Amino acid sequence: MAKVCVIGGSGFLGSHLADQLSELNYEVIIYDIKDSPWIKKSQQMIKGDITNIDSLNDALRGCEIVFNYGGLSDLNEALNKPIETVKLNILGNVNALEAAKKNKVKRFIYASSQYVNSREGGFYKCSKIASEFYVEEYKKFFDYTILRFGSLYGPRSGPDNGVYRIIKDAIKNDKISYQGDINAIREYIHVIDAAKSSIEILSDEFKNKNIVLTGQQSHRVFEILNMLGEIIGIKDKIEFRNESYSGHYVRTPYAYKPMIGIKFTPKTHIDLGQGLLDLIHEMKSQGDL
């Protein structure tokens, strides 16, 4: 099978993807800034930063497929870290694209978010939109697939995951507390389903496509919290703090439309011919001609 590099392969989704690839006998390289606690004997671990282009070039040597599942994934953290979000999610992705180009990779898969279609999402959304544009522009060098993931949950998640935070807080405080609208709707997808789907899209029909990958059903958050309450045994202890939850959508992430530019005509006008003549005179006076 093909040699594959999973950038961010020590993380939540990336580690599950690496496992699924190994089960299908792909040769798996994990590239991450930290060692994977779930590394398999058949996988190779390469520690490196996504902002280090030389390290990425070495890691991608001989790879046919690259999954970029790295970067800053916590929307809440990104809200107040615009520069770090740019470095990890935009510059880091461009580094991965350049390394893929140099190593003549055949397919590049980018983990984006359904927040690219939302009015919300803050700097995290901005970074994902920009990165998608870069991935599409690299089509001239290799095929790509962009995956816009819904809300992930499942094993190996941590404090940067919404469901993880709700469960941990519920067990610690013996009540389920949710900051946001009681009518909020989410499309949760289990991380293993997301990992398996990430491999299914390697078929030719998904080449150079942008795919929305969410759960099969939309659920009201209130229904999910009731289910969680039954499982934990605290169904009568659900609290909605109806506060603004900055950066997060309520009912749908599919509401974003870029602003239309307003045409402005300057009141002054320099004739094009005169403008070109003035430029030539200046270039001659400066010795450029």
Protein backbone atom coordinates (compact mmCIF):
# COMPACT_ATOMS: atom_id res chain seq x y z
CA MET A 1 0.00 0.00 0.00
CA ALA A 2 0.95 3.64 -0.40
CA LYS A 3 3.19 5.52 2.01
CA VAL A 4 1.10 8.08 3.91
CA CYS A 5 1.98 10.95 6.23
CA VAL A 6 -0.53 12.10 8.84
CA ILE A 7 0.40 15.59 10.01
CA GLY A 8 -1.08 15.96 13.48
CA GLY A 9 -1.17 12.19 13.84
CA SER A 10 -0.65 12.30 17.62
CA GLY A 11 -3.90 14.20 18.13
CA PHE A 12 -7.56 13.31 18.58
CA LEU A 13 -8.69 12.71 15.00
CA GLY A 14 -5.21 12.23 13.54
CA SER A 15 -4.37 9.26 15.80
CA HIS A 16 -7.59 7.44 14.88
CA LEU A 17 -6.91 8.11 11.20
CA ALA A 18 -3.41 6.68 11.56
CA ASP A 19 -4.86 3.53 13.19
CA GLN A 20 -7.40 3.03 10.41
CA LEU A 21 -4.71 3.47 7.75
CA SER A 22 -2.46 0.93 9.49
CA GLU A 23 -5.32 -1.60 9.61
CA LEU A 24 -5.56 -1.26 5.83
CA ASN A 25 -1.80 -1.88 5.55
CA TYR A 26 -0.78 1.61 4.51
CA GLU A 27 2.76 2.60 5.46
CA VAL A 28 2.03 5.30 8.04
CA ILE A 29 4.26 8.20 9.03
CA ILE A 30 3.04 10.29 11.97
CA TYR A 31 4.33 13.86 12.01
CA ASP A 32 3.58 15.84 15.15
CA ILE A 33 5.21 18.14 17.67
CA LYS A 34 4.57 15.56 20.41
CA ASP A 35 4.97 11.78 20.60
CA SER A 36 1.80 9.80 20.00
CA PRO A 37 0.67 7.83 23.07
CA TRP A 38 -1.18 5.49 20.69
CA ILE A 39 1.71 4.74 18.31
CA LYS A 40 1.69 1.26 16.74
CA LYS A 41 4.78 -0.81 15.98
CA SER A 42 4.05 -0.59 12.26
CA GLN A 43 3.94 3.25 12.36
CA GLN A 44 6.89 5.62 12.20
CA MET A 45 6.90 8.65 14.48
CA ILE A 46 8.64 11.84 13.35
CA LYS A 47 8.62 14.71 15.85
CA GLY A 48 8.51 18.10 14.24
CA ASP A 49 6.74 21.43 14.12
CA ILE A 50 4.33 22.25 11.29
CA THR A 51 6.03 25.64 11.01
CA ASN A 52 9.38 23.95 10.19
CA ILE A 53 9.44 23.53 6.41
CA ASP A 54 12.74 21.60 6.36
CA SER A 55 11.46 19.05 8.87
CA LEU A 56 8.24 18.65 6.86
CA ASN A 57 10.20 18.12 3.65
CA ASP A 58 12.10 15.26 5.28
CA ALA A 59 8.95 13.70 6.75
CA LEU A 60 7.09 13.69 3.41
CA ARG A 61 9.91 12.09 1.45
CA GLY A 62 8.50 9.17 -0.53
CA CYS A 63 4.88 9.79 0.54
CA GLU A 64 2.08 9.49 -2.01
CA ILE A 65 -0.66 10.81 0.27
CA VAL A 66 -0.60 13.54 2.93
CA PHE A 67 -3.29 14.28 5.49
CA ASN A 68 -2.93 17.65 7.18
CA TYR A 69 -4.87 17.21 10.43
CA GLY A 70 -2.52 19.40 12.44
CA GLY A 71 -2.67 22.97 13.68
CA LEU A 72 -4.79 24.77 16.26
CA SER A 73 -8.16 23.00 16.50
CA ASP A 74 -9.76 24.67 19.53
CA LEU A 75 -12.12 27.42 18.35
CA ASN A 76 -12.28 28.90 21.85
CA GLU A 77 -8.50 29.15 22.11
CA ALA A 78 -8.24 30.72 18.67
CA LEU A 79 -10.68 33.51 19.57
CA ASN A 80 -7.94 35.41 21.39
CA LYS A 81 -4.89 34.16 19.48
CA PRO A 82 -5.05 35.55 15.94
CA ILE A 83 -1.28 35.48 15.33
CA GLU A 84 -0.77 31.95 16.64
CA THR A 85 -3.81 30.79 14.64
CA VAL A 86 -2.28 32.23 11.47
CA LYS A 87 1.10 30.62 12.17
CA LEU A 88 -0.27 27.14 12.85
CA ASN A 89 -3.33 26.94 10.62
CA ILE A 90 -2.41 29.06 7.60
CA LEU A 91 1.38 29.24 7.45
CA GLY A 92 1.63 25.67 8.76
CA ASN A 93 -0.72 24.45 6.04
CA VAL A 94 1.21 26.31 3.33
CA ASN A 95 4.41 24.69 4.61
CA ALA A 96 2.72 21.29 4.29
CA LEU A 97 1.55 22.15 0.76
CA GLU A 98 5.03 23.26 -0.27
CA ALA A 99 6.56 20.10 1.18
CA ALA A 100 3.94 18.03 -0.68
CA LYS A 101 4.82 19.84 -3.90
CA LYS A 102 8.56 19.30 -3.42
CA ASN A 103 8.06 15.59 -2.74
CA LYS A 104 5.65 15.12 -5.68
CA VAL A 105 2.78 13.93 -3.50
CA LYS A 106 -0.23 12.60 -5.43
CA ARG A 107 -3.04 13.53 -3.01
CA PHE A 108 -3.39 16.13 -0.24
CA ILE A 109 -6.27 15.91 2.26
CA TYR A 110 -6.99 18.93 4.42
CA ALA A 111 -9.05 18.89 7.62
CA SER A 112 -11.24 21.97 7.48
CA SER A 113 -14.46 22.79 9.34
CA GLN A 114 -18.11 23.45 8.58
CA TYR A 115 -17.50 26.80 10.27
CA VAL A 116 -16.22 28.08 6.91
CA ASN A 117 -19.92 28.41 6.03
CA SER A 118 -20.85 30.15 9.28
CA ARG A 119 -21.08 33.76 10.42
CA GLU A 120 -19.37 32.57 13.60
CA GLY A 121 -16.03 30.88 14.21
CA GLY A 122 -13.78 33.87 14.80
CA PHE A 123 -10.13 33.62 13.81
CA TYR A 124 -10.45 29.83 13.60
CA LYS A 125 -12.97 30.17 10.76
CA CYS A 126 -10.79 32.80 9.06
CA SER A 127 -7.81 30.44 9.13
CA LYS A 128 -9.80 27.57 7.66
CA ILE A 129 -11.23 29.69 4.82
CA ALA A 130 -7.78 30.99 3.92
CA SER A 131 -6.24 27.51 4.07
CA GLU A 132 -8.94 26.10 1.79
CA PHE A 133 -8.09 28.73 -0.82
CA TYR A 134 -4.42 27.77 -0.63
CA VAL A 135 -5.21 24.06 -0.98
CA GLU A 136 -7.36 24.73 -4.05
CA GLU A 137 -4.62 26.85 -5.61
CA TYR A 138 -2.14 23.96 -5.31
CA LYS A 139 -4.37 21.83 -7.54
CA LYS A 140 -1.93 22.52 -10.38
CA PHE A 141 0.65 20.36 -8.53
CA PHE A 142 -1.44 17.52 -7.04
CA ASP A 143 -4.99 16.39 -6.35
CA TYR A 144 -6.67 17.37 -3.11
CA THR A 145 -9.76 16.79 -1.00
CA ILE A 146 -10.99 19.24 1.63
CA LEU A 147 -13.04 17.77 4.47
CA ARG A 148 -15.29 20.17 6.40
CA PHE A 149 -15.86 18.30 9.65
CA GLY A 150 -18.84 18.71 11.94
CA SER A 151 -18.63 18.49 15.74
CA LEU A 152 -16.36 15.57 16.65
CA TYR A 153 -16.58 13.50 19.82
CA GLY A 154 -15.24 10.19 21.09
CA PRO A 155 -12.23 8.48 22.67
CA ARG A 156 -8.86 10.26 22.93
CA SER A 157 -10.52 13.68 23.02
CA GLY A 158 -9.29 16.24 25.53
CA PRO A 159 -10.05 19.65 27.09
CA ASP A 160 -10.18 21.32 23.67
CA ASN A 161 -13.22 19.20 22.73
CA GLY A 162 -16.73 20.47 23.54
CA VAL A 163 -18.32 17.15 24.49
CA TYR A 164 -15.31 16.23 26.63
CA ARG A 165 -15.61 19.51 28.53
CA ILE A 166 -19.35 19.01 29.16
CA ILE A 167 -18.86 15.45 30.47
CA LYS A 168 -15.90 16.33 32.68
CA ASP A 169 -17.72 19.32 34.16
CA ALA A 170 -20.89 17.24 34.73
CA ILE A 171 -19.11 14.48 36.65
CA LYS A 172 -17.00 16.93 38.63
CA ASN A 173 -19.90 19.19 39.67
CA ASP A 174 -22.73 16.64 39.67
CA LYS A 175 -24.74 18.71 37.20
CA ILE A 176 -24.77 19.38 33.45
CA SER A 177 -24.17 23.03 32.66
CA TYR A 178 -24.29 24.39 29.10
CA GLN A 179 -23.37 27.89 28.05
CA GLY A 180 -25.51 28.84 25.08
CA ASP A 181 -28.97 28.81 23.53
CA ILE A 182 -31.38 26.05 24.60
CA ASN A 183 -32.37 25.68 20.93
CA ALA A 184 -28.82 25.14 19.71
CA ILE A 185 -28.40 22.39 17.10
CA ARG A 186 -25.29 20.33 16.34
CA GLU A 187 -24.31 17.62 13.85
CA TYR A 188 -22.05 15.40 15.97
CA ILE A 189 -19.90 12.76 14.29
CA HIS A 190 -17.97 10.04 16.13
CA VAL A 191 -14.23 10.35 15.64
CA ILE A 192 -13.88 6.78 14.33
CA ASP A 193 -16.59 7.39 11.74
CA ALA A 194 -14.72 10.55 10.75
CA ALA A 195 -11.41 8.64 10.49
CA LYS A 196 -12.90 5.89 8.34
CA SER A 197 -14.62 8.43 6.10
CA SER A 198 -11.27 10.24 5.70
CA ILE A 199 -9.96 7.12 3.98
CA GLU A 200 -13.08 6.45 1.91
CA ILE A 201 -12.72 9.84 0.22
CA LEU A 202 -9.39 8.70 -1.28
CA SER A 203 -11.41 7.21 -4.16
CA ASP A 204 -11.24 9.11 -7.45
CA GLU A 205 -14.80 10.47 -7.21
CA PHE A 206 -13.73 12.78 -4.38
CA LYS A 207 -10.65 14.21 -6.07
CA ASN A 208 -10.51 18.01 -6.03
CA LYS A 209 -13.76 18.27 -4.09
CA ASN A 210 -14.82 20.02 -0.89
CA ILE A 211 -16.75 17.56 1.27
CA VAL A 212 -18.97 18.34 4.28
CA LEU A 213 -18.51 15.47 6.74
CA THR A 214 -20.90 15.47 9.71
CA GLY A 215 -23.11 13.05 11.61
CA GLN A 216 -26.12 11.51 9.90
CA GLN A 217 -28.56 13.55 11.99
CA SER A 218 -28.90 17.01 13.46
CA HIS A 219 -29.62 17.04 17.19
CA ARG A 220 -30.79 19.76 19.54
CA VAL A 221 -28.17 20.20 22.22
CA PHE A 222 -30.96 19.95 24.80
CA GLU A 223 -31.76 16.40 23.60
CA ILE A 224 -28.10 15.42 23.78
CA LEU A 225 -27.76 16.76 27.31
CA ASN A 226 -30.85 14.83 28.38
CA MET A 227 -29.31 11.65 26.96
CA LEU A 228 -26.06 12.38 28.76
CA GLY A 229 -27.98 13.07 31.98
CA GLU A 230 -29.66 9.67 31.78
CA ILE A 231 -26.32 7.92 31.22
CA ILE A 232 -24.62 9.69 34.14
CA GLY A 233 -27.70 9.60 36.37
CA ILE A 234 -28.28 13.34 36.73
CA LYS A 235 -31.07 13.98 34.25
CA ASP A 236 -32.81 16.38 36.64
CA LYS A 237 -29.67 18.50 37.00
CA ILE A 238 -29.38 20.16 33.59
CA GLU A 239 -28.69 23.89 33.55
CA PHE A 240 -28.74 26.17 30.51
CA ARG A 241 -26.87 29.41 30.99
CA ASN A 242 -28.55 31.38 28.23
CA GLU A 243 -25.49 33.52 27.60
CA SER A 244 -23.78 34.57 24.44
CA TYR A 245 -21.25 31.90 23.49
CA SER A 246 -18.79 33.90 21.44
CA GLY A 247 -17.69 32.30 18.19
CA HIS A 248 -20.23 29.46 18.16
CA TYR A 249 -23.28 29.16 15.90
CA VAL A 250 -26.75 28.35 17.30
CA ARG A 251 -28.94 26.63 14.69
CA THR A 252 -26.91 26.31 11.52
CA PRO A 253 -23.33 26.84 10.36
CA TYR A 254 -24.51 27.31 6.77
CA ALA A 255 -25.36 31.00 6.90
CA TYR A 256 -22.20 32.82 5.82
CA LYS A 257 -22.19 34.97 2.70
CA PRO A 258 -19.22 37.21 1.88
CA MET A 259 -20.00 40.92 1.78
CA ILE A 260 -20.57 42.36 -1.69
CA GLY A 261 -18.12 45.11 -2.57
CA ILE A 262 -19.59 48.56 -3.17
CA LYS A 263 -18.33 50.29 -6.30
CA PHE A 264 -16.72 53.65 -5.57
CA THR A 265 -15.83 56.05 -8.39
CA PRO A 266 -13.16 58.64 -7.50
CA LYS A 267 -14.15 62.28 -8.05
CA THR A 268 -10.72 63.04 -9.53
CA HIS A 269 -9.46 61.48 -12.74
CA ILE A 270 -5.98 61.40 -14.25
CA ASP A 271 -5.99 60.44 -17.90
CA LEU A 272 -4.44 56.98 -18.46
CA GLY A 273 -2.17 58.19 -21.26
CA GLN A 274 -0.91 61.11 -19.17
CA GLY A 275 -0.40 58.80 -16.20
CA LEU A 276 1.72 56.40 -18.25
CA LEU A 277 3.76 59.28 -19.68
CA ASP A 278 4.45 60.65 -16.18
CA LEU A 279 5.55 57.19 -15.02
CA ILE A 280 8.00 56.85 -17.95
CA HIS A 281 9.50 60.28 -17.19
CA GLU A 282 9.98 59.32 -13.53
CA MET A 283 11.61 55.98 -14.43
CA LYS A 284 14.02 57.79 -16.78
CA SER A 285 14.88 60.38 -14.14
CA GLN A 286 15.66 57.63 -11.63
CA GLY A 287 17.86 55.76 -14.10
CA ASP A 288 15.51 52.79 -14.36
CA LEU A 289 15.35 53.18 -18.17
